[in-house]
Protein backbone atom coordinates (compact mmCIF):
# COMPACT_ATOMS: atom_id res chain seq x y z
CA MET A 1 178.80 154.71 10.91
CA ASP A 2 175.62 152.05 10.69
CA ALA A 3 175.31 148.35 10.87
CA SER A 4 176.45 147.70 7.41
CA ASN A 5 178.14 144.52 8.05
CA GLY A 6 174.74 142.72 7.97
CA LEU A 7 174.41 142.70 11.78
CA GLN A 8 171.69 144.84 12.24
CA PRO A 9 169.38 143.58 15.25
CA ARG A 10 166.02 142.84 15.25
CA LEU A 11 163.62 144.27 17.75
CA VAL A 12 161.74 141.16 19.63
CA GLY A 13 160.41 142.84 22.71
CA SER A 14 159.58 146.07 24.11
CA THR A 15 158.01 147.94 26.84
CA ALA A 16 156.63 150.31 24.32
CA ASP A 17 155.04 153.57 25.70
CA LEU A 18 154.31 151.47 29.20
CA TYR A 19 156.26 153.56 31.56
CA GLN A 20 156.22 156.88 29.55
CA GLY A 21 155.16 159.52 32.07
CA THR A 22 156.34 160.92 35.39
CA THR A 23 157.77 159.11 38.55
CA ALA A 24 154.07 159.48 40.23
CA ASP A 25 152.11 158.31 37.33
CA THR A 26 154.10 155.12 37.07
CA ALA A 27 154.00 154.47 40.84
CA LEU A 28 150.38 154.97 40.66
CA ARG A 29 149.88 152.87 37.46
CA GLU A 30 152.20 149.90 39.19
CA ALA A 31 150.55 150.01 42.65
CA THR A 32 146.96 149.80 40.71
CA ARG A 33 148.23 147.16 39.03
CA LEU A 34 148.73 145.28 42.43
CA GLY A 35 145.98 146.36 44.05
CA ASN A 36 147.87 148.80 46.41
CA GLU A 37 146.63 151.98 45.33
CA GLY A 38 147.37 153.28 48.88
CA GLU A 39 151.13 152.82 48.48
CA ALA A 40 151.21 155.36 45.69
CA THR A 41 151.77 159.21 46.24
CA ALA A 42 150.90 162.04 44.08
CA PRO A 43 153.85 164.51 42.69
CA GLU A 44 154.96 166.60 45.90
CA ILE A 45 155.19 170.49 45.64
CA THR A 46 158.46 171.71 47.62
CA SER A 47 160.04 175.25 48.14
CA LYS A 48 163.88 175.70 47.63
CA GLY A 49 164.82 179.29 47.62
CA ASN A 50 162.48 181.30 45.33
CA LYS A 51 161.69 178.48 42.99
CA LEU A 52 159.12 175.46 43.43
CA GLN A 53 160.16 172.39 42.85
CA PHE A 54 157.10 169.76 41.45
CA HIS A 55 157.93 166.12 41.75
CA ASP A 56 157.01 165.38 38.54
CA ASP A 57 159.91 164.54 36.67
CA SER A 58 159.77 162.08 34.06
CA ASN A 59 160.22 158.39 35.07
CA TYR A 60 163.34 156.73 33.30
CA PHE A 61 165.29 153.22 33.10
CA THR A 62 168.50 153.34 34.95
CA SER A 63 169.59 149.89 34.50
CA ALA A 64 168.88 146.67 33.13
CA GLN A 65 170.59 143.11 34.02
CA TRP A 66 169.88 139.49 32.96
CA THR A 67 169.54 136.69 35.43
CA PRO A 68 172.37 133.92 35.36
CA ASP A 69 170.22 131.47 33.65
CA GLY A 70 169.20 134.14 30.84
CA THR A 71 165.50 133.78 31.22
CA THR A 72 164.50 137.16 33.19
CA ILE A 73 165.74 140.75 32.99
CA LEU A 74 165.87 143.02 36.19
CA SER A 75 165.17 146.78 35.65
CA SER A 76 165.51 149.74 37.92
CA SER A 77 163.86 152.88 37.34
CA ALA A 78 163.67 156.59 38.51
CA ASP A 79 160.45 155.70 40.41
CA ASN A 80 162.32 153.26 42.76
CA ILE A 81 160.88 150.04 41.24
CA LEU A 82 162.47 146.89 40.77
CA ARG A 83 161.00 145.17 38.00
CA SER A 84 161.21 141.80 36.96
CA PHE A 85 160.62 140.34 33.15
CA VAL A 86 160.31 136.88 32.25
CA LEU A 87 161.02 136.83 28.55
CA PRO A 88 157.92 134.38 26.65
CA PRO A 89 159.40 131.20 25.08
CA ASP A 90 158.47 132.41 21.78
CA LEU A 91 160.65 135.74 21.81
CA LEU A 92 163.01 134.56 18.77
CA SER A 93 160.13 132.80 16.66
CA PRO A 94 160.31 134.37 12.86
CA ASP A 95 156.54 134.30 12.84
CA SER A 96 155.87 136.85 15.06
CA ALA A 97 154.61 140.05 13.10
CA SER A 98 155.66 142.92 15.56
CA PRO A 99 157.79 142.96 18.78
CA HIS A 100 156.06 141.56 21.80
CA THR A 101 154.83 143.77 24.26
CA LEU A 102 156.97 143.01 27.74
CA THR A 103 155.01 143.51 30.81
CA PRO A 104 156.69 142.63 34.26
CA TYR A 105 156.13 139.74 36.06
CA GLY A 106 156.70 140.80 39.65
CA SER A 107 157.98 144.20 40.71
CA HIS A 108 159.26 145.74 44.16
CA ARG A 109 158.96 149.08 45.31
CA SER A 110 161.62 150.48 47.21
CA PRO A 111 161.05 153.44 49.95
CA GLU A 112 164.58 154.70 48.84
CA PRO A 113 166.53 155.14 45.68
CA ILE A 114 168.27 151.87 45.05
CA TYR A 115 172.26 152.25 44.27
CA ALA A 116 173.29 148.62 43.36
CA THR A 117 171.68 145.08 42.64
CA THR A 118 172.92 141.83 42.13
CA PHE A 119 171.93 138.11 41.56
CA HIS A 120 172.56 135.20 43.27
CA PRO A 121 175.10 133.20 40.91
CA CYS A 122 172.95 130.29 41.71
CA PHE A 123 169.70 132.01 40.07
CA GLY A 124 167.58 129.62 38.09
CA LEU A 125 163.75 129.87 37.17
CA GLN A 126 163.27 125.94 37.43
CA GLU A 127 164.32 126.13 41.39
CA PRO A 128 162.39 128.92 43.05
CA ALA A 129 164.28 128.81 45.92
CA SER A 130 167.47 130.13 44.07
CA CYS A 131 166.08 133.09 42.54
CA LEU A 132 167.30 135.60 44.66
CA ILE A 133 168.39 139.26 44.30
CA LEU A 134 170.28 141.70 46.65
CA ALA A 135 169.76 145.40 46.42
CA SER A 136 171.43 148.27 48.33
CA LEU A 137 168.80 151.12 49.43
CA ARG A 138 169.96 154.51 50.53
CA SER A 139 169.96 154.84 54.39
CA LEU A 140 168.52 151.28 54.78
CA PRO A 141 169.85 147.54 55.31
CA ILE A 142 170.91 145.71 52.20
CA ARG A 143 167.82 143.81 51.09
CA LEU A 144 167.30 140.31 49.87
CA PHE A 145 164.42 139.41 47.92
CA SER A 146 162.91 137.22 45.07
CA PRO A 147 161.69 138.99 42.15
CA PHE A 148 158.71 136.78 42.27
CA VAL A 149 157.38 136.70 45.64
CA PRO A 150 156.26 139.86 47.66
CA GLY A 151 158.09 140.86 50.55
CA ILE A 152 161.60 141.03 52.14
CA LEU A 153 163.72 137.54 53.07
CA ALA A 154 166.40 138.91 54.72
CA SER A 155 168.31 142.27 55.45
CA TYR A 156 172.14 142.75 56.24
CA PRO A 157 172.53 146.16 58.29
CA LEU A 158 176.10 148.07 57.47
CA VAL A 159 176.42 150.86 60.23
CA SER A 160 179.21 153.34 60.78
CA PRO A 161 180.46 152.42 63.95
CA THR A 162 180.98 156.33 65.19
CA THR A 163 177.83 157.68 64.00
CA GLU A 164 175.38 154.34 63.54
CA ALA A 165 173.95 155.69 60.68
CA TYR A 166 173.27 153.32 57.85
CA ILE A 167 176.16 153.17 55.28
CA THR A 168 174.79 152.45 51.84
CA PRO A 169 176.95 150.01 49.43
CA HIS A 170 177.48 151.27 46.07
CA SER A 171 178.51 148.37 44.75
CA LEU A 172 177.51 144.25 45.45
CA LEU A 173 178.86 141.27 44.18
CA PHE A 174 178.60 137.61 44.94
CA SER A 175 181.59 135.53 45.69
CA PRO A 176 181.99 132.94 43.22
CA GLU A 177 183.87 130.74 45.51
CA ASN A 178 181.41 130.57 48.06
CA PRO A 179 177.67 131.83 46.66
CA ASN A 180 176.61 132.20 50.37
CA GLN A 181 178.99 135.32 50.84
CA PHE A 182 178.77 138.57 48.68
CA PHE A 183 180.70 141.91 49.00
CA ALA A 184 179.75 145.23 49.91
CA GLY A 185 181.64 148.23 48.50
CA SER A 186 181.67 151.59 50.62
CA ASP A 187 183.64 154.33 51.30
CA SER A 188 187.59 152.75 51.56
CA CYS A 189 186.12 149.33 52.49
CA LEU A 190 185.13 146.05 51.32
CA SER A 191 182.81 144.47 53.56
CA VAL A 192 182.00 140.36 53.26
CA PHE A 193 178.35 139.29 54.37
CA ASP A 194 177.11 135.73 55.12
CA ILE A 195 173.94 135.33 53.04
CA ASN A 196 172.50 133.15 55.77
CA ARG A 197 172.97 135.59 58.52
CA ASN A 198 169.61 137.38 58.21
CA GLY A 199 169.85 140.54 60.78
CA ASP A 200 173.66 140.36 60.90
CA GLY A 201 176.31 142.71 59.84
CA PRO A 202 179.32 141.83 58.10
CA VAL A 203 181.73 138.99 58.72
CA SER A 204 184.55 140.78 57.91
CA LYS A 205 186.22 144.11 56.66
CA MET A 206 188.92 145.10 54.54
CA ARG A 207 189.95 148.72 54.35
CA THR A 208 191.18 149.78 51.21
CA THR A 209 193.42 152.45 52.73
CA LEU A 210 195.62 152.32 55.34
CA SER A 211 194.42 155.66 56.75
CA ARG A 212 191.48 156.60 57.37
CA ARG A 213 192.45 160.37 57.48
CA ASN A 214 194.27 160.32 54.49
CA HIS A 215 192.05 161.63 51.43
CA SER A 216 194.51 160.49 48.93
CA ALA A 217 196.35 156.83 47.84
CA ALA A 218 199.74 158.64 49.14
CA GLY A 219 199.42 157.00 52.08
CA GLY A 220 198.67 153.46 50.73
CA GLY A 221 196.24 151.54 49.49
CA MET A 222 193.08 153.57 47.50
CA LYS A 223 190.65 156.16 49.04
CA GLY A 224 187.13 156.70 47.88
CA ILE A 225 184.00 154.87 47.42
CA VAL A 226 184.06 151.36 45.86
CA SER A 227 181.49 151.96 43.23
CA ALA A 228 182.40 148.78 41.01
CA MET A 229 183.57 145.38 41.45
CA ALA A 230 184.15 142.53 39.07
CA ILE A 231 185.98 138.92 39.58
CA SER A 232 187.69 137.59 36.63
CA GLY A 233 188.33 133.57 35.67
CA GLU A 234 191.22 133.20 37.44
CA GLY A 235 189.65 134.68 41.09
CA LEU A 236 190.98 138.02 41.00
CA LEU A 237 188.63 140.79 42.46
CA ALA A 238 188.88 144.41 40.92
CA ALA A 239 187.27 147.32 42.46
CA GLY A 240 186.89 150.86 41.07
CA THR A 241 186.30 154.07 42.87
CA PHE A 242 184.71 157.09 42.21
CA THR A 243 188.03 159.10 42.89
CA ARG A 244 189.36 157.05 39.78
CA TRP A 245 191.32 154.29 41.47
CA VAL A 246 191.42 150.61 40.76
CA GLY A 247 192.68 147.91 43.36
CA LEU A 248 193.19 144.31 42.56
CA TYR A 249 192.68 141.61 45.45
CA ASP A 250 193.75 138.16 44.86
CA GLY A 251 191.55 134.87 46.01
CA CYS A 252 188.27 136.16 44.81
CA GLY A 253 188.52 139.08 47.10
CA ARG A 254 189.51 137.26 50.34
CA GLY A 255 193.17 137.45 49.87
CA GLY A 256 195.96 139.95 49.86
CA GLU A 257 196.21 143.41 47.52
CA VAL A 258 197.87 142.42 44.39
CA GLY A 259 198.13 146.21 43.35
CA VAL A 260 196.25 149.56 43.58
CA PHE A 261 196.68 151.90 40.82
CA SER A 262 195.12 155.22 39.51
CA ILE A 263 193.59 155.54 35.77
CA GLY A 264 194.28 159.30 35.91
CA SER A 265 197.63 160.94 34.69
CA ASP A 266 198.84 164.23 32.72
CA GLU A 267 198.82 162.45 29.15
CA GLU A 268 195.35 161.70 29.69
CA LYS A 269 194.05 165.23 30.80
CA GLU A 270 196.26 166.39 27.55
CA ALA A 271 194.21 164.15 25.45
CA GLY A 272 191.06 164.65 26.73
CA THR A 273 190.22 161.21 27.69
CA GLU A 274 189.75 161.67 31.41
CA GLY A 275 186.47 160.85 33.30
CA THR A 276 184.97 161.79 36.70
CA GLY A 277 184.69 158.68 38.54
CA ILE A 278 184.51 154.76 37.83
CA THR A 279 181.09 153.24 37.47
CA GLN A 280 181.98 149.79 36.02
CA VAL A 281 184.71 147.64 35.52
CA LEU A 282 185.09 144.64 33.21
CA TRP A 283 187.23 141.57 32.48
CA SER A 284 188.44 139.98 29.32
CA ALA A 285 187.74 136.22 29.17
CA CYS A 286 191.20 135.35 29.37
CA GLY A 287 191.30 137.68 32.76
CA ARG A 288 194.49 139.58 31.74
CA TYR A 289 192.54 142.62 30.51
CA LEU A 290 190.59 145.07 32.60
CA GLY A 291 188.22 147.64 31.30
CA THR A 292 187.09 150.73 33.14
CA VAL A 293 184.26 152.80 32.39
CA GLU A 294 183.36 156.09 33.81
CA ARG A 295 181.10 158.93 34.19
CA SER A 296 181.43 161.83 31.61
CA SER A 297 183.94 159.94 29.33
CA ASP A 298 183.76 159.75 25.74
CA GLY A 299 185.66 156.03 26.27
CA ILE A 300 186.54 152.86 27.65
CA SER A 301 190.07 152.58 29.15
CA VAL A 302 191.50 148.87 28.61
CA TRP A 303 194.34 148.00 31.03
CA ASP A 304 196.89 144.77 30.29
CA ILE A 305 196.80 143.95 34.03
CA ARG A 306 198.84 140.48 33.53
CA GLY A 307 201.43 142.01 31.11
CA THR A 308 202.78 145.82 31.25
CA GLY A 309 200.38 146.92 33.78
CA GLU A 310 199.67 150.12 31.71
CA ARG A 311 196.69 151.44 29.47
CA LEU A 312 196.77 149.13 26.35
CA ALA A 313 193.64 150.93 24.66
CA TRP A 314 191.08 153.54 24.38
CA LEU A 315 187.77 152.81 22.95
CA ARG A 316 187.01 156.08 21.81
CA GLY A 317 183.43 157.15 20.34
CA ARG A 318 181.18 156.27 23.38
CA ASN A 319 179.09 159.58 23.55
CA ALA A 320 178.69 159.36 27.02
CA VAL A 321 179.88 162.74 28.59
CA THR A 322 176.97 162.99 31.09
CA GLN A 323 176.99 162.13 35.07
CA GLN A 324 174.26 159.67 34.42
CA ARG A 325 175.38 155.93 34.56
CA LEU A 326 175.46 154.42 30.90
CA GLY A 327 176.20 150.87 31.58
CA VAL A 328 178.15 148.72 28.96
CA ASP A 329 178.94 144.58 28.84
CA VAL A 330 181.66 142.60 27.15
CA LEU A 331 181.34 139.20 25.69
CA GLY A 332 184.25 137.62 24.14
CA GLY A 333 186.26 140.16 22.43
CA GLU A 334 184.09 142.22 21.75
CA VAL A 335 182.49 145.79 23.95
CA TRP A 336 179.10 146.90 23.59
CA GLY A 337 177.98 150.30 25.09
CA GLY A 338 175.17 153.02 24.50
CA GLY A 339 175.60 156.77 24.46
CA ILE A 340 173.51 159.82 25.03
CA ASP A 341 172.32 159.78 21.71
CA GLY A 342 170.35 156.60 21.80
CA VAL A 343 172.87 154.79 19.73
CA VAL A 344 174.71 151.28 20.73
CA ARG A 345 178.12 150.95 19.27
CA VAL A 346 180.65 148.03 19.51
CA TRP A 347 184.22 147.75 19.45
CA GLU A 348 185.88 144.47 18.49
CA GLY A 349 189.02 142.29 19.60
CA LEU A 350 189.39 143.62 23.08
CA GLY A 351 192.85 143.29 24.16
CA MET A 352 194.16 142.83 20.81
CA THR A 353 194.33 146.34 19.90
CA GLU A 354 196.62 148.93 21.10
CA GLY A 355 196.32 152.92 20.91
CA VAL A 356 192.85 154.26 19.95
CA VAL A 357 190.03 152.13 18.84
CA ASP A 358 187.05 153.48 17.05
CA PRO A 359 183.74 151.23 17.08
CA LYS A 360 182.99 148.87 14.25
CA TRP A 361 179.69 149.17 14.05
CA GLU A 362 176.74 151.16 15.55
CA PHE A 363 172.99 150.98 15.53
CA GLN A 364 169.95 153.76 16.81
CA ALA A 365 168.28 151.76 19.19
CA HIS A 366 166.70 154.63 21.45
CA ASP A 367 165.80 158.16 21.14
CA ASP A 368 167.31 159.02 24.49
CA PRO A 369 170.44 158.25 26.59
CA VAL A 370 171.42 154.30 26.57
CA THR A 371 171.42 153.60 30.57
CA SER A 372 172.25 150.07 30.03
CA THR A 373 173.49 147.70 27.28
CA THR A 374 173.60 143.70 28.52
CA LEU A 375 173.94 140.63 26.58
CA HIS A 376 172.40 137.68 27.37
CA PRO A 377 174.91 134.77 28.41
CA THR A 378 174.51 133.45 24.97
CA GLY A 379 175.51 136.17 22.97
CA SER A 380 172.33 136.00 20.84
CA VAL A 381 169.99 138.16 22.53
CA LEU A 382 170.98 142.23 23.61
CA ALA A 383 168.74 143.61 26.04
CA THR A 384 168.87 147.67 25.99
CA CYS A 385 167.16 150.54 28.30
CA SER A 386 166.91 154.28 27.93
CA GLY A 387 165.67 157.34 29.44
CA GLN A 388 166.60 160.68 31.40
CA ARG A 389 165.12 163.07 33.71
CA HIS A 390 163.18 165.04 31.70
CA TYR A 391 161.78 168.25 33.84
CA ASN A 392 158.50 170.31 32.91
CA ALA A 393 159.08 172.94 30.61
CA SER A 394 156.34 174.82 32.68
CA LEU A 395 158.86 174.91 35.95
CA ASP A 396 161.52 177.18 34.62
CA PRO A 397 161.75 177.50 31.01
CA GLY A 398 165.04 179.12 31.23
CA SER A 399 167.00 176.37 32.86
CA LYS A 400 169.70 174.44 31.37
CA GLU A 401 170.65 172.34 34.07
CA THR A 402 169.73 168.90 34.95
CA GLU A 403 170.61 166.24 37.58
CA SER A 404 172.64 163.08 37.79
CA ASP A 405 171.30 159.49 38.51
CA THR A 406 170.80 159.57 42.13
CA ASP A 407 172.69 156.09 42.38
CA SER A 408 176.15 157.87 40.93
CA ILE A 409 176.05 160.91 42.95
CA ASP A 410 178.78 160.81 45.94
CA ALA A 411 180.95 163.34 47.79
CA SER A 412 183.69 162.95 45.30
CA SER A 413 181.33 164.23 42.42
CA GLN A 414 179.96 167.36 44.02
CA SER A 415 182.40 169.75 42.43
CA SER A 416 181.77 168.60 38.76
CA ARG A 417 177.84 169.16 39.64
CA SER A 418 178.67 173.01 38.59
CA SER A 419 179.48 171.95 34.92
CA LEU A 420 177.06 171.25 32.27
CA SER A 421 177.24 168.19 30.17
CA THR A 422 176.02 167.31 27.13
CA GLN A 423 172.83 165.56 28.57
CA SER A 424 172.23 168.68 29.94
CA SER A 425 171.52 170.29 26.46
CA VAL A 426 169.76 167.59 25.33
CA SER A 427 167.53 167.49 28.22
CA ALA A 428 166.81 171.20 28.29
CA ASN A 429 166.22 171.03 23.97
CA SER A 430 163.64 168.28 24.94
CA ASP A 431 161.97 170.51 27.31
CA ALA A 432 161.65 173.57 25.39
CA ASP A 433 159.79 171.18 22.52
CA PRO A 434 156.37 169.67 24.09
CA ALA A 435 156.13 167.55 21.11
CA ARG A 436 159.43 165.57 21.52
CA ALA A 437 158.55 161.79 22.53
CA PHE A 438 160.63 160.74 25.57
CA ASP A 439 162.06 157.14 25.04
CA ASN A 440 161.80 155.38 28.45
CA SER A 441 161.73 151.76 27.32
CA LEU A 442 163.26 148.36 27.68
CA LYS A 443 164.27 146.79 24.38
CA ILE A 444 164.98 142.91 23.30
CA TRP A 445 167.20 142.67 20.23
CA ALA A 446 167.77 139.54 18.46
CA LEU A 447 171.26 139.38 17.03
């Protein structure tokens, strides 16, 4: 299938090979660009059993997001650097003979892997005070910063009351009802923070399960790390977990629990449509249909929340059987998502069709897995980013294993680490072929 309907996107911007290379290479290049060479470190060598592990695996984009005003793209990469790309005003000019070369306007290097990011809902490039981003870092407080100014503006610790260790949220979301408050999703808990209280912990917490000792939802509520959140236009908060449960809460998350359900079933196992944990939840514009995106899943489930409360459709053919997070987006009645083959696919009529739904059209966007597919608020521009972890072939030529994204690893996924995914074979094959060019890039497409 191809874009035979005349909607072949036009490439208008790309980072090209700017970030090709190892994580150490790109971190050093970024530090040099900022005049902080001392912050970059050379690849490390550690011992693991009888095998040497060189920290020179390739850099790759893990996610990309549009700012609410549609002027800037924030990307996250395996080198733990958040980069802000302000798009040129002549991006869509038909006179451009070749795509624009995208370079970051600002960057923030994190000392630890980044698990989640979100923008302040009032983000506007014309008002610098509103240009705020939240980031969740492993074993550190949540950070608030500006994408264009160095340094940290505020921090918000989430601490375990028993061990006093920092808890790392796997999802962050600002409240549309009160822009000064934001949600942080962690293990069986939704925490609410006040953005004006620098250095303070959450102002309130809501346990998503009635019993801390109960490792299933049988005791009430849902158990597991809250890995994805989204609020509908009607103020209904949907929270998904790595243990494949969805919780619904009214009042923009500050009200009571509306319902909790599992997305797993015996029929799903027989049909082969099960995944290994929710990484994204998406609302339709009408607020009636909810999409759930999972790891190691070839499709997207669509649920009729306001109607039958059951799964309405299965958007198949995503080609995303991997532990790596591959983000999708929805605009109007269309769902856009990329696969491990570098192809972006589009499903139309969200909520309008029951049963199995195949993509209407597709196009080749990258030569590596498409880690994010995100649409401009106007729907006229598409941003995609790509990449995966490629290991140096000289380390262990016979190895066919690859690790997943750091931000998608949790206790519930440890049992699945031993199984090989389609991505594993792709990565292994690319390592065996030194001539293969890795595609770790951010691209902008005019629709």
